[in-house]
C-alpha atoms as a PDB file:
ATOM      1  CA  MET A   1      53.617  56.493  83.535  1.00  0.00           C
ATOM      2  CA  LYS A   2      51.592  59.681  83.416  1.00  0.00           C
ATOM      3  CA  ALA A   3      54.757  61.805  83.569  1.00  0.00           C
ATOM      4  CA  ARG A   4      56.278  59.922  80.654  1.00  0.00           C
ATOM      5  CA  CYS A   5      53.137  60.337  78.580  1.00  0.00           C
ATOM      6  CA  CYS A   6      53.011  64.025  79.299  1.00  0.00           C
ATOM      7  CA  SER A   7      56.673  64.314  78.417  1.00  0.00           C
ATOM      8  CA  GLN A   8      56.093  62.621  75.081  1.00  0.00           C
ATOM      9  CA  ILE A   9      53.052  64.755  74.389  1.00  0.00           C
ATOM     10  CA  ILE A  10      54.974  67.914  75.165  1.00  0.00           C
ATOM     11  CA  THR A  11      58.147  67.074  73.232  1.00  0.00           C
ATOM     12  CA  ALA A  12      56.482  65.674  70.112  1.00  0.00           C
ATOM     13  CA  PRO A  13      55.475  69.085  68.723  1.00  0.00           C
ATOM     14  CA  ARG A  14      58.996  70.324  69.343  1.00  0.00           C
ATOM     15  CA  VAL A  15      60.466  67.433  67.362  1.00  0.00           C
ATOM     16  CA  PHE A  16      57.969  68.037  64.556  1.00  0.00           C
ATOM     17  CA  ALA A  17      58.764  71.726  64.558  1.00  0.00           C
ATOM     18  CA  GLY A  18      62.479  70.937  64.375  1.00  0.00           C
ATOM     19  CA  HIS A  19      61.989  68.707  61.336  1.00  0.00           C
ATOM     20  CA  THR A  20      59.811  71.373  59.754  1.00  0.00           C
ATOM     21  CA  MET A  21      62.446  74.056  60.249  1.00  0.00           C
ATOM     22  CA  ARG A  22      65.196  71.844  58.836  1.00  0.00           C
ATOM     23  CA  GLY A  23      62.948  71.009  55.867  1.00  0.00           C
ATOM     24  CA  CYS A  24      62.335  74.698  55.187  1.00  0.00           C
ATOM     25  CA  ALA A  25      66.045  75.425  55.439  1.00  0.00           C
ATOM     26  CA  LEU A  26      66.883  72.651  52.980  1.00  0.00           C
ATOM     27  CA  ALA A  27      64.144  73.821  50.621  1.00  0.00           C
ATOM     28  CA  SER A  28      65.457  77.385  50.764  1.00  0.00           C
ATOM     29  CA  LEU A  29      68.987  76.165  50.080  1.00  0.00           C
ATOM     30  CA  TYR A  30      67.732  74.102  47.131  1.00  0.00           C
ATOM     31  CA  PHE A  31      65.929  77.019  45.527  1.00  0.00           C
ATOM     32  CA  LEU A  32      68.923  79.292  46.151  1.00  0.00           C
ATOM     33  CA  LEU A  33      71.338  76.876  44.480  1.00  0.00           C
ATOM     34  CA  THR A  34      68.861  76.200  41.679  1.00  0.00           C
ATOM     35  CA  GLY A  35      68.547  79.900  40.976  1.00  0.00           C
ATOM     36  CA  MET A  36      72.325  80.324  40.927  1.00  0.00           C
ATOM     37  CA  ILE A  37      73.307  77.238  38.936  1.00  0.00           C
ATOM     38  CA  LEU A  38      70.536  76.579  36.424  1.00  0.00           C
ATOM     39  CA  PRO A  39      70.949  79.855  34.519  1.00  0.00           C
ATOM     40  CA  HIS A  40      74.622  79.032  34.006  1.00  0.00           C
ATOM     41  CA  ILE A  41      73.809  75.499  32.870  1.00  0.00           C
ATOM     42  CA  SER A  42      71.180  76.829  30.480  1.00  0.00           C
ATOM     43  CA  TRP A  43      73.579  79.480  29.158  1.00  0.00           C
ATOM     44  CA  ALA A  44      76.349  76.918  28.647  1.00  0.00           C
ATOM     45  CA  ARG A  45      74.057  74.594  26.684  1.00  0.00           C
ATOM     46  CA  GLN A  46      72.849  77.417  24.512  1.00  0.00           C
ATOM     47  CA  ASP A  47      76.373  78.732  23.996  1.00  0.00           C
ATOM     48  CA  SER A  48      77.806  75.339  23.041  1.00  0.00           C
ATOM     49  CA  SER A  49      75.304  74.835  20.229  1.00  0.00           C
ATOM     50  CA  PRO A  50      76.939  75.454  16.852  1.00  0.00           C
ATOM     51  CA  LEU A  51      75.293  77.936  14.525  1.00  0.00           C
ATOM     52  CA  ARG A  52      73.336  76.763  11.508  1.00  0.00           C
ATOM     53  CA  VAL A  53      75.418  77.483   8.439  1.00  0.00           C
ATOM     54  CA  ARG A  54      74.856  77.234   4.714  1.00  0.00           C
ATOM     55  CA  PRO A  55      77.047  78.020   1.700  1.00  0.00           C
ATOM     56  CA  CYS A  56      76.674  81.345  -0.036  1.00  0.00           C
ATOM     57  CA  LYS A  57      74.111  81.281  -2.808  1.00  0.00           C
ATOM     58  CA  ALA A  58      75.505  80.191  -6.151  1.00  0.00           C
ATOM     59  CA  SER A  59      73.928  83.129  -7.983  1.00  0.00           C
ATOM     60  CA  ASP A  60      75.760  85.620  -5.773  1.00  0.00           C
ATOM     61  CA  GLN A  61      79.069  83.801  -6.130  1.00  0.00           C
ATOM     62  CA  THR A  62      78.653  83.625  -9.894  1.00  0.00           C
ATOM     63  CA  ALA A  63      77.993  87.352 -10.105  1.00  0.00           C
ATOM     64  CA  VAL A  64      81.093  88.134  -8.081  1.00  0.00           C
ATOM     65  CA  SER A  65      83.220  85.762 -10.161  1.00  0.00           C
ATOM     66  CA  SER A  66      81.957  87.264 -13.410  1.00  0.00           C
ATOM     67  CA  LYS A  67      82.699  90.778 -12.186  1.00  0.00           C
ATOM     68  CA  LYS A  68      86.263  89.803 -11.237  1.00  0.00           C
ATOM     69  CA  ALA A  69      86.779  87.989 -14.515  1.00  0.00           C
ATOM     70  CA  GLY A  70      85.619  91.070 -16.430  1.00  0.00           C
ATOM     71  CA  LYS A  71      88.093  93.266 -14.585  1.00  0.00           C
ATOM     72  CA  GLN A  72      90.967  90.869 -15.188  1.00  0.00           C
ATOM     73  CA  LYS A  73      90.094  90.610 -18.884  1.00  0.00           C
ATOM     74  CA  LYS A  74      89.878  94.365 -19.269  1.00  0.00           C
ATOM     75  CA  HIS A  75      93.262  94.959 -17.621  1.00  0.00           C
ATOM     76  CA  ARG A  76      95.025  91.811 -18.774  1.00  0.00           C
ATOM     77  CA  GLY A  77      98.777  92.237 -18.982  1.00  0.00           C
ATOM     78  CA  THR A  78      98.828  95.251 -16.668  1.00  0.00           C
ATOM     79  CA  GLU A  79      97.383  93.833 -13.431  1.00  0.00           C
ATOM     80  CA  PRO A  80      99.510  91.693 -11.098  1.00  0.00           C
ATOM     81  CA  PRO A  81      98.163  88.232 -10.158  1.00  0.00           C
ATOM     82  CA  ASN A  82      95.445  88.325  -7.520  1.00  0.00           C
ATOM     83  CA  ASP A  83      97.087  87.653  -4.160  1.00  0.00           C
ATOM     84  CA  THR A  84      93.837  87.739  -2.149  1.00  0.00           C
ATOM     85  CA  ALA A  85      91.567  84.761  -1.533  1.00  0.00           C
ATOM     86  CA  SER A  86      88.228  84.840   0.237  1.00  0.00           C
ATOM     87  CA  ALA A  87      85.786  82.475   1.908  1.00  0.00           C
ATOM     88  CA  CYS A  88      82.040  83.040   2.124  1.00  0.00           C
ATOM     89  CA  VAL A  89      79.451  81.525   4.469  1.00  0.00           C
ATOM     90  CA  GLU A  90      75.923  82.284   5.631  1.00  0.00           C
ATOM     91  CA  ALA A  91      75.006  81.590   9.260  1.00  0.00           C
ATOM     92  CA  SER A  92      71.903  81.955  11.408  1.00  0.00           C
ATOM     93  CA  GLY A  93      71.870  85.117  13.483  1.00  0.00           C
ATOM     94  CA  SER A  94      72.563  88.810  13.058  1.00  0.00           C
ATOM     95  CA  ALA A  95      75.698  90.269  11.528  1.00  0.00           C
ATOM     96  CA  ILE A  96      76.804  91.571  14.934  1.00  0.00           C
ATOM     97  CA  HIS A  97      76.328  88.135  16.503  1.00  0.00           C
ATOM     98  CA  ILE A  98      78.309  86.465  13.720  1.00  0.00           C
ATOM     99  CA  GLN A  99      81.167  88.913  14.245  1.00  0.00           C
ATOM    100  CA  GLU A 100      81.215  88.069  17.960  1.00  0.00           C
ATOM    101  CA  GLN A 101      81.301  84.338  17.228  1.00  0.00           C
ATOM    102  CA  LEU A 102      84.224  84.659  14.825  1.00  0.00           C
ATOM    103  CA  GLN A 103      86.149  86.886  17.220  1.00  0.00           C
ATOM    104  CA  SER A 104      85.670  84.254  19.928  1.00  0.00           C
ATOM    105  CA  PHE A 105      86.854  81.482  17.596  1.00  0.00           C
ATOM    106  CA  VAL A 106      90.003  83.353  16.575  1.00  0.00           C
ATOM    107  CA  ARG A 107      90.793  84.080  20.249  1.00  0.00           C
ATOM    108  CA  GLN A 108      90.583  80.349  20.953  1.00  0.00           C
ATOM    109  CA  GLN A 109      93.254  79.667  18.339  1.00  0.00           C
ATOM    110  CA  ARG A 110      95.678  81.772  20.413  1.00  0.00           C
ATOM    111  CA  TRP A 111      97.099  83.352  17.278  1.00  0.00           C
ATOM    112  CA  PRO A 112      99.337  86.414  17.768  1.00  0.00           C
ATOM    113  CA  VAL A 113      96.746  88.972  16.656  1.00  0.00           C
ATOM    114  CA  SER A 114      97.540  92.686  16.394  1.00  0.00           C
ATOM    115  CA  ASN A 115      96.283  95.937  14.819  1.00  0.00           C
ATOM    116  CA  GLU A 116      92.631  95.107  15.440  1.00  0.00           C
ATOM    117  CA  ASP A 117      89.870  97.407  14.255  1.00  0.00           C
ATOM    118  CA  ILE A 118      86.345  96.351  15.243  1.00  0.00           C
ATOM    119  CA  SER A 119      82.967  97.753  14.201  1.00  0.00           C
ATOM    120  CA  GLU A 120      79.485  96.237  14.240  1.00  0.00           C
ATOM    121  CA  THR A 121      79.871  94.484  10.892  1.00  0.00           C
ATOM    122  CA  THR A 122      83.576  94.621  10.030  1.00  0.00           C
ATOM    123  CA  TRP A 123      86.645  93.275  11.787  1.00  0.00           C
ATOM    124  CA  THR A 124      90.196  93.734  10.502  1.00  0.00           C
ATOM    125  CA  PHE A 125      93.343  92.402  12.126  1.00  0.00           C
ATOM    126  CA  ASP A 126      96.869  91.156  11.474  1.00  0.00           C
ATOM    127  CA  VAL A 127      98.090  87.736  12.521  1.00  0.00           C
ATOM    128  CA  SER A 128     101.772  86.736  12.557  1.00  0.00           C
ATOM    129  CA  PHE A 129     103.158  83.366  11.466  1.00  0.00           C
ATOM    130  CA  ASN A 130     106.466  81.582  11.515  1.00  0.00           C
ATOM    131  CA  LYS A 131     107.933  80.321   8.253  1.00  0.00           C
ATOM    132  CA  GLU A 132     106.151  76.961   8.363  1.00  0.00           C
ATOM    133  CA  ARG A 133     102.723  78.421   9.047  1.00  0.00           C
ATOM    134  CA  LEU A 134     103.242  81.172   6.502  1.00  0.00           C
ATOM    135  CA  LEU A 135     103.940  78.672   3.719  1.00  0.00           C
ATOM    136  CA  LEU A 136     100.997  76.570   4.863  1.00  0.00           C
ATOM    137  CA  TYR A 137      98.555  79.420   4.235  1.00  0.00           C
ATOM    138  CA  ALA A 138     100.264  81.171   1.318  1.00  0.00           C
ATOM    139  CA  GLN A 139     102.653  80.516  -1.543  1.00  0.00           C
ATOM    140  CA  PRO A 140     105.339  82.644  -3.220  1.00  0.00           C
ATOM    141  CA  ASP A 141     104.745  84.158  -6.625  1.00  0.00           C
ATOM    142  CA  SER A 142     107.212  83.937  -9.517  1.00  0.00           C
ATOM    143  CA  SER A 143     109.301  86.816  -8.174  1.00  0.00           C
ATOM    144  CA  SER A 144     109.836  85.252  -4.754  1.00  0.00           C
ATOM    145  CA  GLU A 145     110.259  81.561  -5.493  1.00  0.00           C
ATOM    146  CA  ARG A 146     113.919  81.638  -4.389  1.00  0.00           C
ATOM    147  CA  VAL A 147     113.426  83.541  -1.156  1.00  0.00           C
ATOM    148  CA  GLU A 148     114.689  82.109   2.121  1.00  0.00           C
ATOM    149  CA  TRP A 149     111.671  82.857   4.296  1.00  0.00           C
ATOM    150  CA  GLN A 150     111.917  83.901   7.921  1.00  0.00           C
ATOM    151  CA  ASP A 151     108.361  84.755   8.978  1.00  0.00           C
ATOM    152  CA  GLY A 152     105.325  86.693   7.821  1.00  0.00           C
ATOM    153  CA  LYS A 153     101.810  87.860   8.562  1.00  0.00           C
ATOM    154  CA  ALA A 154      98.328  88.065   7.127  1.00  0.00           C
ATOM    155  CA  HIS A 155      96.070  91.105   6.888  1.00  0.00           C
ATOM    156  CA  VAL A 156      92.575  89.695   7.490  1.00  0.00           C
ATOM    157  CA  VAL A 157      89.254  91.397   6.761  1.00  0.00           C
ATOM    158  CA  VAL A 158      85.971  89.924   8.076  1.00  0.00           C
ATOM    159  CA  ARG A 159      82.744  91.499   6.802  1.00  0.00           C
ATOM    160  CA  SER A 160      79.198  90.481   7.755  1.00  0.00           C
ATOM    161  CA  TRP A 161      75.768  91.780   6.799  1.00  0.00           C
ATOM    162  CA  ASP A 162      72.157  90.721   7.394  1.00  0.00           C
ATOM    163  CA  LEU A 163      70.234  89.007   4.599  1.00  0.00           C
ATOM    164  CA  GLY A 164      66.730  89.552   5.990  1.00  0.00           C
ATOM    165  CA  ASP A 165      65.869  85.857   6.480  1.00  0.00           C
ATOM    166  CA  SER A 166      67.408  85.328   9.945  1.00  0.00           C
ATOM    167  CA  PHE A 167      70.772  84.650   8.299  1.00  0.00           C
ATOM    168  CA  ALA A 168      73.827  86.833   7.836  1.00  0.00           C
ATOM    169  CA  ARG A 169      76.482  86.511   5.169  1.00  0.00           C
ATOM    170  CA  THR A 170      80.166  86.717   6.070  1.00  0.00           C
ATOM    171  CA  ILE A 171      83.145  87.056   3.749  1.00  0.00           C
ATOM    172  CA  VAL A 172      86.680  86.595   5.051  1.00  0.00           C
ATOM    173  CA  SER A 173      89.628  87.732   2.931  1.00  0.00           C
ATOM    174  CA  ALA A 174      93.345  87.837   3.659  1.00  0.00           C
ATOM    175  CA  LYS A 175      96.544  89.222   2.165  1.00  0.00           C
ATOM    176  CA  PHE A 176      99.920  87.773   3.082  1.00  0.00           C
ATOM    177  CA  GLU A 177     103.356  89.324   3.475  1.00  0.00           C
ATOM    178  CA  GLY A 178     106.608  87.533   4.201  1.00  0.00           C
ATOM    179  CA  SER A 179     110.070  88.513   5.353  1.00  0.00           C
ATOM    180  CA  GLY A 180     113.150  86.902   3.849  1.00  0.00           C
ATOM    181  CA  GLU A 181     116.145  87.259   1.556  1.00  0.00           C
ATOM    182  CA  SER A 182     116.344  86.115  -2.041  1.00  0.00           C
ATOM    183  CA  THR A 183     119.131  83.714  -2.969  1.00  0.00           C
ATOM    184  CA  ASP A 184     119.077  85.154  -6.484  1.00  0.00           C
ATOM    185  CA  SER A 185     121.806  87.789  -6.558  1.00  0.00           C
ATOM    186  CA  PHE A 186     120.202  89.443  -9.600  1.00  0.00           C
ATOM    187  CA  ALA A 187     116.746  89.695  -8.037  1.00  0.00           C
ATOM    188  CA  THR A 188     115.461  92.886  -6.495  1.00  0.00           C
ATOM    189  CA  GLN A 189     115.398  92.630  -2.724  1.00  0.00           C
ATOM    190  CA  ARG A 190     112.072  93.515  -1.200  1.00  0.00           C
ATOM    191  CA  SER A 191     110.814  94.042   2.323  1.00  0.00           C
ATOM    192  CA  PRO A 192     108.264  92.661   2.744  1.00  0.00           C
ATOM    193  CA  TRP A 193     107.475  90.175  -0.017  1.00  0.00           C
ATOM    194  CA  THR A 194     103.915  89.568  -1.189  1.00  0.00           C
ATOM    195  CA  LEU A 195     102.626  85.986  -1.181  1.00  0.00           C
ATOM    196  CA  ILE A 196      99.556  84.472  -2.806  1.00  0.00           C
ATOM    197  CA  SER A 197      96.892  83.204  -0.431  1.00  0.00           C
ATOM    198  CA  LYS A 198      95.888  79.553  -0.722  1.00  0.00           C
ATOM    199  CA  GLY A 199      92.501  80.254   0.869  1.00  0.00           C
ATOM    200  CA  ILE A 200      93.165  77.861   3.760  1.00  0.00           C
ATOM    201  CA  LEU A 201      93.230  80.478   6.514  1.00  0.00           C
ATOM    202  CA  GLU A 202      90.066  82.170   5.262  1.00  0.00           C
ATOM    203  CA  THR A 203      88.208  78.857   5.101  1.00  0.00           C
ATOM    204  CA  LYS A 204      89.369  77.903   8.585  1.00  0.00           C
ATOM    205  CA  ILE A 205      88.020  81.140  10.043  1.00  0.00           C
ATOM    206  CA  VAL A 206      84.524  80.805   8.537  1.00  0.00           C
ATOM    207  CA  GLN A 207      84.382  77.154   9.631  1.00  0.00           C
ATOM    208  CA  GLY A 208      84.646  78.447  13.190  1.00  0.00           C
ATOM    209  CA  LEU A 209      80.955  79.394  12.984  1.00  0.00           C
ATOM    210  CA  GLY A 210      80.018  75.718  13.008  1.00  0.00           C
ATOM    211  CA  THR A 211      82.454  74.564  15.685  1.00  0.00           C
ATOM    212  CA  ARG A 212      82.432  77.291  18.333  1.00  0.00           C
ATOM    213  CA  VAL A 213      82.084  75.948  21.884  1.00  0.00           C
ATOM    214  CA  SER A 214      82.586  78.886  24.251  1.00  0.00           C
ATOM    215  CA  ALA A 215      81.450  82.453  24.693  1.00  0.00           C
ATOM    216  CA  PRO A 216      83.203  85.551  23.391  1.00  0.00           C
ATOM    217  CA  ARG A 217      85.705  87.059  25.837  1.00  0.00           C
END
């Protein structure tokens, strides 16, 4: 009996020490995994939050419209129809951050982008389209109504600048060109043809500020 008691007295601290060591190991593993995983979870939650957006101020839009109208009135009869549309939005964040968000959104669309030129506040690029997508985003003018379209592309310009109230304004504009042959034998053949933007592509790009779900790559 005495031997058994001594054996229990001797081994009990060893058992306790073993549990203590395993507890420390598990605690260390927990803190290690917490330190590795939680920052990524926090980053993902922050990154998935859409930006706060608001329309461009009416006064600014009115001033721009009046300026364009004055130019068209002054040069009426000599200027070709405006083939460029634009979309304007104001979003929370700096101009550089807004540019990064839009670049990420366009990458997610997997459009065939080329001829990129990127600065802190301006991004220009070309994007190619097949015939169906081209005619979705743009329409022929009177000189190209009888063209059999093959494909085309858009020249896109994205400009952003800070407004001083934690928001930045962004304007997206695009010009479209199309390849094809006119069925009118008397028409002058052109390569490429100019199309008139419908404003759909530009609006889709600025809407990406409110729907972005992943980080820039």
